[in-house]
C-alpha atoms as a PDB file:
ATOM      1  CA  MET A   1     -94.298  22.861 -43.980  1.00  0.00           C
ATOM      2  CA  ARG A   2     -92.868  22.503 -47.525  1.00  0.00           C
ATOM      3  CA  VAL A   3     -89.039  21.515 -47.413  1.00  0.00           C
ATOM      4  CA  ASP A   4     -87.960  24.260 -49.794  1.00  0.00           C
ATOM      5  CA  LEU A   5     -89.664  26.990 -47.791  1.00  0.00           C
ATOM      6  CA  TYR A   6     -88.192  25.391 -44.461  1.00  0.00           C
ATOM      7  CA  LEU A   7     -84.713  25.682 -46.000  1.00  0.00           C
ATOM      8  CA  LYS A   8     -85.223  29.274 -46.841  1.00  0.00           C
ATOM      9  CA  LEU A   9     -86.658  30.302 -43.484  1.00  0.00           C
ATOM     10  CA  MET A  10     -83.828  28.470 -41.472  1.00  0.00           C
ATOM     11  CA  GLY A  11     -81.141  30.152 -43.601  1.00  0.00           C
ATOM     12  CA  VAL A  12     -79.773  27.162 -45.296  1.00  0.00           C
ATOM     13  CA  THR A  13     -80.422  28.501 -48.734  1.00  0.00           C
ATOM     14  CA  LYS A  14     -80.760  32.200 -49.553  1.00  0.00           C
ATOM     15  CA  THR A  15     -83.922  31.799 -51.599  1.00  0.00           C
ATOM     16  CA  ARG A  16     -86.794  29.330 -52.039  1.00  0.00           C
ATOM     17  CA  MET A  17     -86.028  28.942 -55.585  1.00  0.00           C
ATOM     18  CA  LEU A  18     -82.392  27.659 -54.667  1.00  0.00           C
ATOM     19  CA  ALA A  19     -83.896  25.218 -52.325  1.00  0.00           C
ATOM     20  CA  LYS A  20     -86.275  24.210 -55.045  1.00  0.00           C
ATOM     21  CA  ARG A  21     -83.294  23.625 -57.360  1.00  0.00           C
ATOM     22  CA  LEU A  22     -81.298  21.498 -54.824  1.00  0.00           C
ATOM     23  CA  CYS A  23     -84.348  19.200 -54.422  1.00  0.00           C
ATOM     24  CA  ASP A  24     -84.764  19.018 -58.004  1.00  0.00           C
ATOM     25  CA  GLN A  25     -81.151  18.069 -58.451  1.00  0.00           C
ATOM     26  CA  GLY A  26     -81.478  15.331 -56.008  1.00  0.00           C
ATOM     27  CA  LYS A  27     -79.246  16.783 -53.321  1.00  0.00           C
ATOM     28  CA  VAL A  28     -81.829  16.802 -50.474  1.00  0.00           C
ATOM     29  CA  PHE A  29     -82.516  13.640 -48.622  1.00  0.00           C
ATOM     30  CA  LEU A  30     -85.267  12.640 -46.045  1.00  0.00           C
ATOM     31  CA  GLY A  31     -85.087   9.148 -44.816  1.00  0.00           C
ATOM     32  CA  GLY A  32     -82.525   8.288 -47.117  1.00  0.00           C
ATOM     33  CA  LYS A  33     -84.640   9.017 -50.161  1.00  0.00           C
ATOM     34  CA  ALA A  34     -84.446  12.060 -52.539  1.00  0.00           C
ATOM     35  CA  ILE A  35     -87.490  14.480 -52.126  1.00  0.00           C
ATOM     36  CA  LYS A  36     -89.200  16.955 -54.080  1.00  0.00           C
ATOM     37  CA  PRO A  37     -89.351  20.709 -53.151  1.00  0.00           C
ATOM     38  CA  SER A  38     -93.178  20.313 -52.078  1.00  0.00           C
ATOM     39  CA  GLN A  39     -92.708  17.394 -49.565  1.00  0.00           C
ATOM     40  CA  GLU A  40     -94.055  18.228 -46.188  1.00  0.00           C
ATOM     41  CA  ILE A  41     -91.723  17.817 -43.343  1.00  0.00           C
ATOM     42  CA  LEU A  42     -92.427  17.217 -39.602  1.00  0.00           C
ATOM     43  CA  ALA A  43     -90.673  18.121 -36.334  1.00  0.00           C
ATOM     44  CA  GLY A  44     -88.268  15.138 -35.440  1.00  0.00           C
ATOM     45  CA  GLU A  45     -87.183  14.307 -38.903  1.00  0.00           C
ATOM     46  CA  THR A  46     -83.788  14.600 -40.276  1.00  0.00           C
ATOM     47  CA  LEU A  47     -82.711  16.125 -43.548  1.00  0.00           C
ATOM     48  CA  GLU A  48     -79.440  15.631 -45.379  1.00  0.00           C
ATOM     49  CA  LEU A  49     -78.217  18.226 -47.848  1.00  0.00           C
ATOM     50  CA  PHE A  50     -75.274  18.018 -50.322  1.00  0.00           C
ATOM     51  CA  LEU A  51     -74.653  21.590 -51.076  1.00  0.00           C
ATOM     52  CA  PRO A  52     -71.802  22.790 -53.361  1.00  0.00           C
ATOM     53  CA  GLN A  53     -69.451  23.709 -50.725  1.00  0.00           C
ATOM     54  CA  LYS A  54     -70.514  21.245 -47.732  1.00  0.00           C
ATOM     55  CA  GLU A  55     -72.765  18.437 -46.648  1.00  0.00           C
ATOM     56  CA  LEU A  56     -75.372  19.119 -43.796  1.00  0.00           C
ATOM     57  CA  ARG A  57     -77.390  16.741 -41.740  1.00  0.00           C
ATOM     58  CA  LEU A  58     -80.033  18.806 -39.851  1.00  0.00           C
ATOM     59  CA  LYS A  59     -82.595  17.808 -37.066  1.00  0.00           C
ATOM     60  CA  ILE A  60     -85.739  19.559 -37.426  1.00  0.00           C
ATOM     61  CA  ILE A  61     -86.501  20.717 -33.934  1.00  0.00           C
ATOM     62  CA  GLU A  62     -89.681  22.825 -34.594  1.00  0.00           C
ATOM     63  CA  ILE A  63     -91.414  23.992 -37.498  1.00  0.00           C
ATOM     64  CA  PRO A  64     -92.120  27.725 -37.355  1.00  0.00           C
ATOM     65  CA  SER A  65     -95.516  28.999 -37.492  1.00  0.00           C
ATOM     66  CA  LEU A  66     -94.330  32.478 -39.234  1.00  0.00           C
ATOM     67  CA  LYS A  67     -93.603  33.121 -42.729  1.00  0.00           C
ATOM     68  CA  SER A  68     -90.412  34.704 -41.843  1.00  0.00           C
ATOM     69  CA  VAL A  69     -87.923  33.948 -39.192  1.00  0.00           C
ATOM     70  CA  ALA A  70     -85.095  36.423 -37.875  1.00  0.00           C
ATOM     71  CA  LYS A  71     -81.496  34.906 -37.794  1.00  0.00           C
ATOM     72  CA  SER A  72     -81.332  35.455 -33.909  1.00  0.00           C
ATOM     73  CA  GLU A  73     -84.687  33.490 -33.498  1.00  0.00           C
ATOM     74  CA  ARG A  74     -83.489  30.526 -35.244  1.00  0.00           C
ATOM     75  CA  ILE A  75     -80.708  30.007 -32.699  1.00  0.00           C
ATOM     76  CA  GLN A  76     -82.318  31.465 -29.748  1.00  0.00           C
ATOM     77  CA  PHE A  77     -85.404  29.347 -30.058  1.00  0.00           C
ATOM     78  CA  GLY A  78     -83.760  26.003 -31.342  1.00  0.00           C
ATOM     79  CA  LEU A  79     -85.586  25.464 -34.486  1.00  0.00           C
ATOM     80  CA  VAL A  80     -83.093  23.550 -36.079  1.00  0.00           C
ATOM     81  CA  GLU A  81     -80.021  21.596 -34.986  1.00  0.00           C
ATOM     82  CA  ILE A  82     -77.035  20.934 -37.232  1.00  0.00           C
ATOM     83  CA  ILE A  83     -76.039  17.271 -36.472  1.00  0.00           C
ATOM     84  CA  ARG A  84     -73.090  17.031 -39.038  1.00  0.00           C
ATOM     85  CA  GLU A  85     -71.375  19.506 -41.219  1.00  0.00           C
ATOM     86  CA  ILE A  86     -68.720  18.464 -43.756  1.00  0.00           C
END
């Protein structure tokens, strides 16, 4: 799954366009490298995001198979784990 779509589905950003903008500005990292919005991500990888108000480190537990994920399902099914939030 593309990183911009994943960030939107997990509720990290409100829109896919905002996730794309963060990637284009070099604020989303995978393995210590800035990534493009089209970067494919896999379960088990760790993303680092530098948002305007906070920094996040997220561990991708599972990639959702649907094109939309309810907020309750994100938490209930453990699709993402926040490792660090500053």
